[in-house]
Amino acid sequence: MSRTFESIKQGLEEALQFAEGKKNGAREFKPKEIDVRALRKKVNMTQVEFAAAFGINVGTLRHWERRDRTPRGPALVLLNLVYKDPKTILSVLYK
């Protein structure tokens, strides 16, 4: 079999082991939860400005701020990046 197939097969086997709770060197990345309202205030933006700057629906942002819902997936990753370095993220997005 090809090296590509063997690599894919090994990756799948490791993923199955990880899913079963077996430690096999795989790492799991879990972004931390974000207080969206505090973050928005930290960057000194209104809800409309914040939503527009980061491509978030204003209604969704309001749900996050009320904690009716929580950001997940790529949105949570983006918010963590903004939390760590808002000036850099804004300059990357808007230069």
Protein backbone atom coordinates (compact mmCIF):
# COMPACT_ATOMS: atom_id res chain seq x y z
CA MET A 1 0.00 0.00 0.00
CA SER A 2 1.07 3.59 -0.51
CA ARG A 3 2.61 5.77 2.19
CA THR A 4 -0.35 8.11 1.91
CA PHE A 5 -2.80 5.30 2.67
CA GLU A 6 -0.70 4.09 5.61
CA SER A 7 -0.56 7.61 7.04
CA ILE A 8 -4.32 8.04 6.75
CA LYS A 9 -4.92 4.60 8.24
CA GLN A 10 -2.64 5.36 11.18
CA GLY A 11 -4.40 8.69 11.76
CA LEU A 12 -7.80 7.03 11.79
CA GLU A 13 -6.63 4.35 14.20
CA GLU A 14 -5.22 7.02 16.53
CA ALA A 15 -8.47 9.01 16.31
CA LEU A 16 -10.48 5.92 17.27
CA GLN A 17 -8.17 5.22 20.21
CA PHE A 18 -8.48 8.83 21.36
CA ALA A 19 -12.27 8.67 21.09
CA GLU A 20 -12.20 5.57 23.30
CA GLY A 21 -10.24 7.52 25.92
CA LYS A 22 -6.87 5.91 25.28
CA LYS A 23 -3.88 8.24 25.59
CA ASN A 24 -1.84 8.00 22.42
CA GLY A 25 -0.08 11.33 22.15
CA ALA A 26 -3.01 13.08 20.51
CA ARG A 27 -3.79 16.55 21.84
CA GLU A 28 -7.18 18.13 22.07
CA PHE A 29 -7.59 21.88 21.75
CA LYS A 30 -10.47 23.39 23.67
CA PRO A 31 -10.70 27.18 23.47
CA LYS A 32 -11.68 28.76 26.76
CA GLU A 33 -15.13 30.21 27.28
CA ILE A 34 -15.36 33.95 26.70
CA ASP A 35 -17.44 36.61 28.43
CA VAL A 36 -18.49 38.26 25.18
CA ARG A 37 -19.93 41.38 26.78
CA ALA A 38 -16.74 41.99 28.77
CA LEU A 39 -14.67 41.43 25.63
CA ARG A 40 -16.75 43.89 23.63
CA LYS A 41 -16.38 46.49 26.37
CA LYS A 42 -12.63 45.79 26.55
CA VAL A 43 -12.29 46.74 22.87
CA ASN A 44 -14.59 49.74 23.45
CA MET A 45 -17.16 48.96 20.75
CA THR A 46 -20.92 49.07 20.58
CA GLN A 47 -22.78 45.88 19.79
CA VAL A 48 -23.27 47.02 16.21
CA GLU A 49 -19.58 47.95 15.78
CA PHE A 50 -18.36 44.70 17.32
CA ALA A 51 -20.71 42.57 15.25
CA ALA A 52 -19.71 44.34 12.04
CA ALA A 53 -15.99 44.21 12.82
CA PHE A 54 -15.97 40.45 13.33
CA GLY A 55 -18.72 39.30 10.98
CA ILE A 56 -21.18 38.34 13.69
CA ASN A 57 -24.93 38.80 13.44
CA VAL A 58 -26.05 41.43 15.98
CA GLY A 59 -28.82 39.11 17.21
CA THR A 60 -26.31 36.34 17.79
CA LEU A 61 -24.03 38.73 19.67
CA ARG A 62 -26.92 39.76 21.90
CA HIS A 63 -27.72 36.12 22.69
CA TRP A 64 -24.07 35.55 23.61
CA GLU A 65 -24.04 38.60 25.85
CA ARG A 66 -27.23 37.50 27.62
CA ARG A 67 -25.75 34.00 27.83
CA ASP A 68 -28.80 32.46 26.18
CA ARG A 69 -26.29 30.87 23.83
CA THR A 70 -22.55 30.46 23.80
CA PRO A 71 -20.13 30.89 20.93
CA ARG A 72 -18.77 27.65 19.54
CA GLY A 73 -16.36 26.46 16.89
CA PRO A 74 -14.61 29.08 14.74
CA ALA A 75 -16.48 31.94 16.46
CA LEU A 76 -15.09 30.89 19.83
CA VAL A 77 -11.58 30.65 18.39
CA LEU A 78 -11.90 34.14 16.87
CA LEU A 79 -13.16 35.59 20.15
CA ASN A 80 -10.23 34.03 22.02
CA LEU A 81 -7.83 35.63 19.55
CA VAL A 82 -9.54 39.00 19.94
CA TYR A 83 -9.34 38.62 23.73
CA LYS A 84 -5.59 37.96 23.61
CA ASP A 85 -4.66 40.72 21.18
CA PRO A 86 -7.50 42.86 19.83
CA LYS A 87 -5.27 45.45 18.13
CA THR A 88 -3.41 42.83 16.12
CA ILE A 89 -6.57 40.99 15.08
CA LEU A 90 -8.25 44.22 13.99
CA SER A 91 -5.16 45.28 12.05
CA VAL A 92 -4.97 41.90 10.33
CA LEU A 93 -8.64 42.04 9.38
CA TYR A 94 -8.66 45.64 8.19
CA LYS A 95 -5.31 46.42 6.57
